[in-house]
Amino acid sequence: MTDTATQYETALRPLTAVVETLPPHAWDASSPCEGWSARDVVRHLVETQRETLTGNGVDLGEAPDWTADPVGAWNRHSQRVLDALRDPDQVDRPIEWFFGPTTIGATIERFYVWDMYVHRWDLAQAAGLDAGLTDRELDLVERGADALGEALHLDGMCRTPVAAARDDRTARVLARLGRLA
């Protein structure tokens, strides 16, 4: 197993637990991502991962169908990604990405794993669940935000920071991403 696969799987387990816990009515509930339902958040995760991976030669098979079974679609997608990330040849493949030359593995580690932690909270909020972000995960979210720098608040990324609704670490970290916890 590659380090990238380990990092992806570490983020995947608690995210999948939230995905699998969402009650059917919550899939169409509003998320903290403006204009997005819970279904849209998961679709975003899949589409952006697929775009980067398939656009750089990784075969993930046919895109999942979201209409009938969003949980199954997520599980099929994430397993295909994890399988691809177990292959060092895939992980080490050089690519041109938004931030310049890099590798598939570095892109997954730097951005997509980070995105999975952040959007796990968004999904949980849409369903009234606890995302259960740990201090270690909050460290990763903060480091990811630091690494993104000014790009963190570009259109399509995170909203501008807001004042934290509570004085706890989760609320402060998420407020930096434009989310009220």
Protein backbone atom coordinates (compact mmCIF):
# COMPACT_ATOMS: atom_id res chain seq x y z
CA MET A 1 0.00 0.00 0.00
CA THR A 2 1.29 3.47 -0.84
CA ASP A 3 1.33 6.34 1.65
CA THR A 4 -1.20 8.13 -0.55
CA ALA A 5 -3.58 5.17 -0.35
CA THR A 6 -3.16 5.09 3.43
CA GLN A 7 -3.97 8.81 3.73
CA TYR A 8 -6.96 8.47 1.41
CA GLU A 9 -8.27 5.45 3.30
CA THR A 10 -7.82 7.23 6.64
CA ALA A 11 -9.99 10.12 5.40
CA LEU A 12 -12.36 7.74 3.63
CA ARG A 13 -13.42 5.62 6.63
CA PRO A 14 -15.12 8.37 8.70
CA LEU A 15 -16.48 10.09 5.59
CA THR A 16 -18.06 6.85 4.41
CA ALA A 17 -19.53 6.34 7.88
CA VAL A 18 -21.32 9.69 7.51
CA VAL A 19 -22.40 8.88 3.93
CA GLU A 20 -23.81 5.54 5.06
CA THR A 21 -25.58 7.12 8.05
CA LEU A 22 -27.41 9.82 6.08
CA PRO A 23 -31.14 9.15 6.23
CA PRO A 24 -32.83 9.09 2.80
CA HIS A 25 -34.46 12.51 3.27
CA ALA A 26 -31.10 14.13 4.10
CA TRP A 27 -29.67 13.57 0.61
CA ASP A 28 -31.67 16.53 -0.64
CA ALA A 29 -31.18 18.67 2.49
CA SER A 30 -29.19 21.89 2.20
CA SER A 31 -25.54 21.69 3.14
CA PRO A 32 -23.34 24.53 4.42
CA CYS A 33 -22.03 24.78 0.83
CA GLU A 34 -24.23 27.48 -0.64
CA GLY A 35 -26.71 26.06 -3.14
CA TRP A 36 -25.61 22.45 -2.58
CA SER A 37 -27.55 19.58 -1.08
CA ALA A 38 -25.83 16.70 0.68
CA ARG A 39 -26.06 14.79 -2.61
CA ASP A 40 -24.29 17.67 -4.37
CA VAL A 41 -21.46 17.61 -1.84
CA VAL A 42 -20.77 13.91 -2.44
CA ARG A 43 -21.18 14.36 -6.18
CA HIS A 44 -18.59 17.17 -6.00
CA LEU A 45 -16.14 14.89 -4.21
CA VAL A 46 -16.56 12.19 -6.82
CA GLU A 47 -16.53 14.46 -9.86
CA THR A 48 -13.43 16.40 -8.83
CA GLN A 49 -11.51 13.24 -7.91
CA ARG A 50 -12.60 11.59 -11.18
CA GLU A 51 -11.70 14.66 -13.21
CA THR A 52 -8.14 14.74 -11.90
CA LEU A 53 -7.57 11.00 -11.97
CA THR A 54 -9.25 10.03 -15.25
CA GLY A 55 -7.97 13.20 -16.88
CA ASN A 56 -4.48 11.96 -16.11
CA GLY A 57 -4.87 8.42 -17.36
CA VAL A 58 -6.22 6.57 -14.31
CA ASP A 59 -9.00 4.16 -15.28
CA LEU A 60 -11.83 4.41 -12.74
CA GLY A 61 -14.43 2.76 -14.92
CA GLU A 62 -17.82 4.22 -15.61
CA ALA A 63 -18.97 7.19 -13.52
CA PRO A 64 -21.43 6.21 -10.77
CA ASP A 65 -25.15 6.88 -11.09
CA TRP A 66 -26.42 9.12 -8.28
CA THR A 67 -30.14 8.90 -8.80
CA ALA A 68 -31.02 5.50 -7.39
CA ASP A 69 -28.27 4.76 -4.89
CA PRO A 70 -25.97 7.59 -3.74
CA VAL A 71 -24.41 5.43 -1.00
CA GLY A 72 -23.60 2.65 -3.45
CA ALA A 73 -22.29 5.19 -5.96
CA TRP A 74 -19.97 6.66 -3.32
CA ASN A 75 -18.77 3.23 -2.21
CA ARG A 76 -18.04 2.07 -5.77
CA HIS A 77 -16.21 5.30 -6.61
CA SER A 78 -14.11 5.45 -3.46
CA GLN A 79 -13.09 1.80 -3.74
CA ARG A 80 -11.94 2.34 -7.33
CA VAL A 81 -9.91 5.37 -6.27
CA LEU A 82 -8.38 3.49 -3.35
CA ASP A 83 -7.47 0.58 -5.62
CA ALA A 84 -5.76 2.99 -8.05
CA LEU A 85 -3.88 4.71 -5.23
CA ARG A 86 -2.44 1.40 -4.05
CA ASP A 87 -0.41 1.30 -7.30
CA PRO A 88 2.87 3.22 -6.95
CA ASP A 89 2.98 3.75 -10.73
CA GLN A 90 -0.33 5.63 -10.55
CA VAL A 91 0.64 7.62 -7.45
CA ASP A 92 4.02 8.64 -8.87
CA ARG A 93 2.62 9.67 -12.26
CA PRO A 94 3.61 13.27 -13.05
CA ILE A 95 0.77 15.64 -13.90
CA GLU A 96 0.13 19.32 -14.53
CA TRP A 97 -2.35 20.58 -11.97
CA PHE A 98 -3.85 23.87 -10.82
CA PHE A 99 -0.76 24.64 -8.73
CA GLY A 100 1.74 23.51 -11.35
CA PRO A 101 3.72 20.31 -11.99
CA THR A 102 3.16 17.60 -9.40
CA THR A 103 2.18 13.94 -9.13
CA ILE A 104 -1.17 12.23 -8.75
CA GLY A 105 -0.19 11.17 -5.24
CA ALA A 106 0.81 14.65 -4.13
CA THR A 107 -2.41 16.08 -5.55
CA ILE A 108 -4.55 13.54 -3.72
CA GLU A 109 -2.65 14.10 -0.48
CA ARG A 110 -2.51 17.89 -0.71
CA PHE A 111 -6.04 18.61 -1.82
CA TYR A 112 -8.46 15.72 -2.16
CA VAL A 113 -7.81 14.15 1.25
CA TRP A 114 -8.21 17.62 2.78
CA ASP A 115 -11.46 18.09 0.83
CA MET A 116 -12.80 14.82 2.25
CA TYR A 117 -12.34 16.01 5.84
CA VAL A 118 -13.95 19.39 5.17
CA HIS A 119 -16.90 17.97 3.25
CA ARG A 120 -17.46 15.28 5.87
CA TRP A 121 -18.44 18.13 8.18
CA ASP A 122 -20.68 19.63 5.48
CA LEU A 123 -22.49 16.32 4.98
CA ALA A 124 -22.96 15.80 8.68
CA GLN A 125 -24.41 19.29 9.03
CA ALA A 126 -26.91 18.67 6.23
CA ALA A 127 -28.21 15.63 8.10
CA GLY A 128 -27.94 16.98 11.64
CA LEU A 129 -25.15 14.50 12.46
CA ASP A 130 -21.88 14.96 14.30
CA ALA A 131 -18.90 14.88 11.93
CA GLY A 132 -16.66 13.99 14.86
CA LEU A 133 -13.59 15.83 13.55
CA THR A 134 -10.63 14.90 15.74
CA ASP A 135 -7.77 17.18 16.75
CA ARG A 136 -5.53 15.33 14.27
CA GLU A 137 -8.05 15.91 11.49
CA LEU A 138 -8.40 19.57 12.43
CA ASP A 139 -4.59 19.82 12.26
CA LEU A 140 -4.77 18.43 8.71
CA VAL A 141 -7.52 20.87 7.76
CA GLU A 142 -5.49 23.80 9.13
CA ARG A 143 -2.30 22.69 7.38
CA GLY A 144 -4.24 22.21 4.14
CA ALA A 145 -5.74 25.68 4.40
CA ASP A 146 -2.26 27.11 5.07
CA ALA A 147 -0.86 25.28 2.03
CA LEU A 148 -3.63 26.58 -0.22
CA GLY A 149 -2.85 30.14 0.84
CA GLU A 150 -4.83 32.77 -1.03
CA ALA A 151 -6.25 30.09 -3.34
CA LEU A 152 -8.33 28.89 -0.38
CA HIS A 153 -10.79 31.70 -1.01
CA LEU A 154 -10.88 31.70 -4.81
CA ASP A 155 -14.27 31.29 -6.45
CA GLY A 156 -15.40 27.69 -6.12
CA MET A 157 -13.23 26.98 -3.07
CA CYS A 158 -14.11 28.26 0.41
CA ARG A 159 -16.05 31.38 1.29
CA THR A 160 -14.30 34.19 3.09
CA PRO A 161 -13.65 33.61 6.78
CA VAL A 162 -16.43 34.32 9.27
CA ALA A 163 -16.46 34.91 13.01
CA ALA A 164 -16.60 31.62 14.88
CA ALA A 165 -20.02 30.94 16.37
CA ARG A 166 -18.46 29.28 19.42
CA ASP A 167 -15.11 29.41 21.14
CA ASP A 168 -13.89 25.91 20.39
CA ARG A 169 -11.31 24.63 17.97
CA THR A 170 -13.72 23.04 15.50
CA ALA A 171 -15.72 26.27 15.21
CA ARG A 172 -12.55 28.36 14.78
CA VAL A 173 -11.05 26.09 12.10
CA LEU A 174 -14.31 25.89 10.14
CA ALA A 175 -14.90 29.64 10.45
CA ARG A 176 -11.61 30.14 8.64
CA LEU A 177 -13.20 28.20 5.76
CA GLY A 178 -16.33 30.36 5.81
CA ARG A 179 -18.40 27.81 7.76
CA LEU A 180 -20.38 28.40 10.95
CA ALA A 181 -20.00 25.46 13.30
